[in-house]
């Protein structure tokens, strides 16, 4: 069984793992530092805290604290954070489509339904 697993290891897979390890190394080094937000922004290639701030009036406080907890457990929580970021991209797109009056009318329902 061990030999069959070893045969699946290719040089391409080894290079992928090396990139993954090198990519995640800064997260380990800067965890809990003053530079954490900057490192996370570079790591994700997006300013996730700006998204949280922008949509804070549309999502409940529990979600915001969940997203911040996810950020603090990167890289292990990357897949969860991607889901929230996708949600915020969709919200951004939809909010741009609505006029100000409609947005005011439905704003109170956002925290309950999204």
C-alpha atoms as a PDB file:
ATOM      1  CA  UNK A   1       0.000   0.000   0.000  1.00  0.00           C
ATOM      2  CA  UNK A   2       2.821   2.393   0.819  1.00  0.00           C
ATOM      3  CA  UNK A   3       4.452   1.822  -2.558  1.00  0.00           C
ATOM      4  CA  UNK A   4       1.213   2.630  -4.388  1.00  0.00           C
ATOM      5  CA  UNK A   5       0.956   5.920  -2.520  1.00  0.00           C
ATOM      6  CA  UNK A   6       4.597   6.714  -3.214  1.00  0.00           C
ATOM      7  CA  UNK A   7       4.095   6.056  -6.907  1.00  0.00           C
ATOM      8  CA  UNK A   8       1.450   8.819  -7.010  1.00  0.00           C
ATOM      9  CA  UNK A   9       3.985  11.391  -5.837  1.00  0.00           C
ATOM     10  CA  UNK A  10       5.255  13.223  -8.877  1.00  0.00           C
ATOM     11  CA  UNK A  11       7.753  16.012  -9.263  1.00  0.00           C
ATOM     12  CA  UNK A  12       4.848  18.309 -10.182  1.00  0.00           C
ATOM     13  CA  UNK A  13       3.081  17.462  -6.913  1.00  0.00           C
ATOM     14  CA  UNK A  14       6.288  18.074  -4.950  1.00  0.00           C
ATOM     15  CA  UNK A  15       6.639  21.517  -6.568  1.00  0.00           C
ATOM     16  CA  UNK A  16       2.997  22.305  -5.720  1.00  0.00           C
ATOM     17  CA  UNK A  17       3.590  21.375  -2.099  1.00  0.00           C
ATOM     18  CA  UNK A  18       6.752  23.480  -1.976  1.00  0.00           C
ATOM     19  CA  UNK A  19       4.836  26.506  -3.302  1.00  0.00           C
ATOM     20  CA  UNK A  20       2.076  25.896  -0.772  1.00  0.00           C
ATOM     21  CA  UNK A  21       4.556  25.683   2.105  1.00  0.00           C
ATOM     22  CA  UNK A  22       6.419  28.798   0.959  1.00  0.00           C
ATOM     23  CA  UNK A  23       3.169  30.689   0.506  1.00  0.00           C
ATOM     24  CA  UNK A  24       1.941  29.829   3.994  1.00  0.00           C
ATOM     25  CA  UNK A  25       5.252  30.511   5.751  1.00  0.00           C
ATOM     26  CA  UNK A  26       4.652  34.288   6.105  1.00  0.00           C
ATOM     27  CA  UNK A  27       1.358  33.554   7.818  1.00  0.00           C
ATOM     28  CA  UNK A  28       3.171  31.559  10.472  1.00  0.00           C
ATOM     29  CA  UNK A  29       5.830  34.243  10.902  1.00  0.00           C
ATOM     30  CA  UNK A  30       3.469  37.207  11.172  1.00  0.00           C
ATOM     31  CA  UNK A  31       0.583  35.668  13.085  1.00  0.00           C
ATOM     32  CA  UNK A  32      -0.576  38.014  15.886  1.00  0.00           C
ATOM     33  CA  UNK A  33       1.734  40.783  14.694  1.00  0.00           C
ATOM     34  CA  UNK A  34       0.849  44.336  13.701  1.00  0.00           C
ATOM     35  CA  UNK A  35       1.527  43.332  10.089  1.00  0.00           C
ATOM     36  CA  UNK A  36      -1.063  40.520  10.087  1.00  0.00           C
ATOM     37  CA  UNK A  37      -3.694  42.447   8.085  1.00  0.00           C
ATOM     38  CA  UNK A  38      -1.144  43.409   5.438  1.00  0.00           C
ATOM     39  CA  UNK A  39       0.102  39.829   5.124  1.00  0.00           C
ATOM     40  CA  UNK A  40      -3.467  38.504   4.865  1.00  0.00           C
ATOM     41  CA  UNK A  41      -4.306  41.077   2.167  1.00  0.00           C
ATOM     42  CA  UNK A  42      -1.260  40.015   0.153  1.00  0.00           C
ATOM     43  CA  UNK A  43      -1.980  36.340   0.746  1.00  0.00           C
ATOM     44  CA  UNK A  44      -5.585  36.621  -0.437  1.00  0.00           C
ATOM     45  CA  UNK A  45      -4.897  39.323  -3.017  1.00  0.00           C
ATOM     46  CA  UNK A  46      -7.928  41.142  -1.622  1.00  0.00           C
ATOM     47  CA  UNK A  47      -8.569  43.552   1.247  1.00  0.00           C
ATOM     48  CA  UNK A  48     -10.959  41.354   3.180  1.00  0.00           C
ATOM     49  CA  UNK A  49     -11.264  43.812   6.064  1.00  0.00           C
ATOM     50  CA  UNK A  50     -12.554  46.426   3.618  1.00  0.00           C
ATOM     51  CA  UNK A  51     -15.258  43.953   2.563  1.00  0.00           C
ATOM     52  CA  UNK A  52     -16.206  43.329   6.172  1.00  0.00           C
ATOM     53  CA  UNK A  53     -16.445  47.057   6.816  1.00  0.00           C
ATOM     54  CA  UNK A  54     -18.405  47.724   3.625  1.00  0.00           C
ATOM     55  CA  UNK A  55     -21.029  45.052   4.312  1.00  0.00           C
ATOM     56  CA  UNK A  56     -21.189  45.355   8.098  1.00  0.00           C
ATOM     57  CA  UNK A  57     -24.524  47.160   7.835  1.00  0.00           C
ATOM     58  CA  UNK A  58     -25.980  44.234   5.880  1.00  0.00           C
ATOM     59  CA  UNK A  59     -24.699  41.259   7.909  1.00  0.00           C
ATOM     60  CA  UNK A  60     -25.052  40.501  11.583  1.00  0.00           C
ATOM     61  CA  UNK A  61     -22.296  40.946  14.146  1.00  0.00           C
ATOM     62  CA  UNK A  62     -21.955  37.194  14.582  1.00  0.00           C
ATOM     63  CA  UNK A  63     -20.962  36.765  10.946  1.00  0.00           C
ATOM     64  CA  UNK A  64     -18.391  39.530  11.251  1.00  0.00           C
ATOM     65  CA  UNK A  65     -16.846  37.884  14.300  1.00  0.00           C
ATOM     66  CA  UNK A  66     -16.900  34.506  12.485  1.00  0.00           C
ATOM     67  CA  UNK A  67     -15.054  35.967   9.494  1.00  0.00           C
ATOM     68  CA  UNK A  68     -12.476  37.614  11.762  1.00  0.00           C
ATOM     69  CA  UNK A  69     -11.955  34.290  13.556  1.00  0.00           C
ATOM     70  CA  UNK A  70     -11.498  32.581  10.183  1.00  0.00           C
ATOM     71  CA  UNK A  71      -8.885  35.176   9.231  1.00  0.00           C
ATOM     72  CA  UNK A  72      -7.016  34.502  12.452  1.00  0.00           C
ATOM     73  CA  UNK A  73      -6.827  30.775  11.683  1.00  0.00           C
ATOM     74  CA  UNK A  74      -5.436  31.098   8.160  1.00  0.00           C
ATOM     75  CA  UNK A  75      -4.212  29.170   6.199  1.00  0.00           C
ATOM     76  CA  UNK A  76      -6.292  26.276   7.545  1.00  0.00           C
ATOM     77  CA  UNK A  77      -9.528  28.232   7.132  1.00  0.00           C
ATOM     78  CA  UNK A  78      -8.859  29.494   3.613  1.00  0.00           C
ATOM     79  CA  UNK A  79     -11.734  27.555   2.027  1.00  0.00           C
ATOM     80  CA  UNK A  80     -14.229  29.031   4.529  1.00  0.00           C
ATOM     81  CA  UNK A  81     -12.916  32.532   3.914  1.00  0.00           C
ATOM     82  CA  UNK A  82     -13.265  32.071   0.156  1.00  0.00           C
ATOM     83  CA  UNK A  83     -16.957  31.278   0.652  1.00  0.00           C
ATOM     84  CA  UNK A  84     -17.533  34.484   2.598  1.00  0.00           C
ATOM     85  CA  UNK A  85     -15.600  36.488   0.023  1.00  0.00           C
ATOM     86  CA  UNK A  86     -17.747  34.992  -2.742  1.00  0.00           C
ATOM     87  CA  UNK A  87     -20.834  36.014  -0.789  1.00  0.00           C
ATOM     88  CA  UNK A  88     -19.512  39.579  -0.496  1.00  0.00           C
ATOM     89  CA  UNK A  89     -18.737  39.735  -4.214  1.00  0.00           C
ATOM     90  CA  UNK A  90     -22.292  38.667  -5.001  1.00  0.00           C
ATOM     91  CA  UNK A  91     -23.685  41.188  -2.520  1.00  0.00           C
ATOM     92  CA  UNK A  92     -21.562  43.919  -4.074  1.00  0.00           C
ATOM     93  CA  UNK A  93     -22.840  43.063  -7.530  1.00  0.00           C
ATOM     94  CA  UNK A  94     -26.471  42.975  -6.418  1.00  0.00           C
ATOM     95  CA  UNK A  95     -26.262  46.154  -4.369  1.00  0.00           C
ATOM     96  CA  UNK A  96     -24.859  48.001  -7.372  1.00  0.00           C
ATOM     97  CA  UNK A  97     -27.937  46.966  -9.354  1.00  0.00           C
ATOM     98  CA  UNK A  98     -30.401  48.453  -6.850  1.00  0.00           C
ATOM     99  CA  UNK A  99     -31.366  52.085  -6.654  1.00  0.00           C
ATOM    100  CA  UNK A 100     -31.042  53.904  -3.335  1.00  0.00           C
ATOM    101  CA  UNK A 101     -34.773  53.904  -2.581  1.00  0.00           C
ATOM    102  CA  UNK A 102     -35.160  50.153  -3.141  1.00  0.00           C
ATOM    103  CA  UNK A 103     -32.068  49.510  -1.081  1.00  0.00           C
ATOM    104  CA  UNK A 104     -33.494  51.475   1.839  1.00  0.00           C
ATOM    105  CA  UNK A 105     -36.725  49.477   1.636  1.00  0.00           C
ATOM    106  CA  UNK A 106     -35.082  46.064   1.748  1.00  0.00           C
ATOM    107  CA  UNK A 107     -32.064  46.867   3.930  1.00  0.00           C
ATOM    108  CA  UNK A 108     -33.778  45.732   7.139  1.00  0.00           C
ATOM    109  CA  UNK A 109     -34.257  42.262   5.616  1.00  0.00           C
ATOM    110  CA  UNK A 110     -30.607  41.684   4.726  1.00  0.00           C
ATOM    111  CA  UNK A 111     -29.420  40.501   8.127  1.00  0.00           C
ATOM    112  CA  UNK A 112     -32.272  38.022   8.325  1.00  0.00           C
ATOM    113  CA  UNK A 113     -31.979  36.466   4.862  1.00  0.00           C
ATOM    114  CA  UNK A 114     -28.395  36.665   3.684  1.00  0.00           C
END
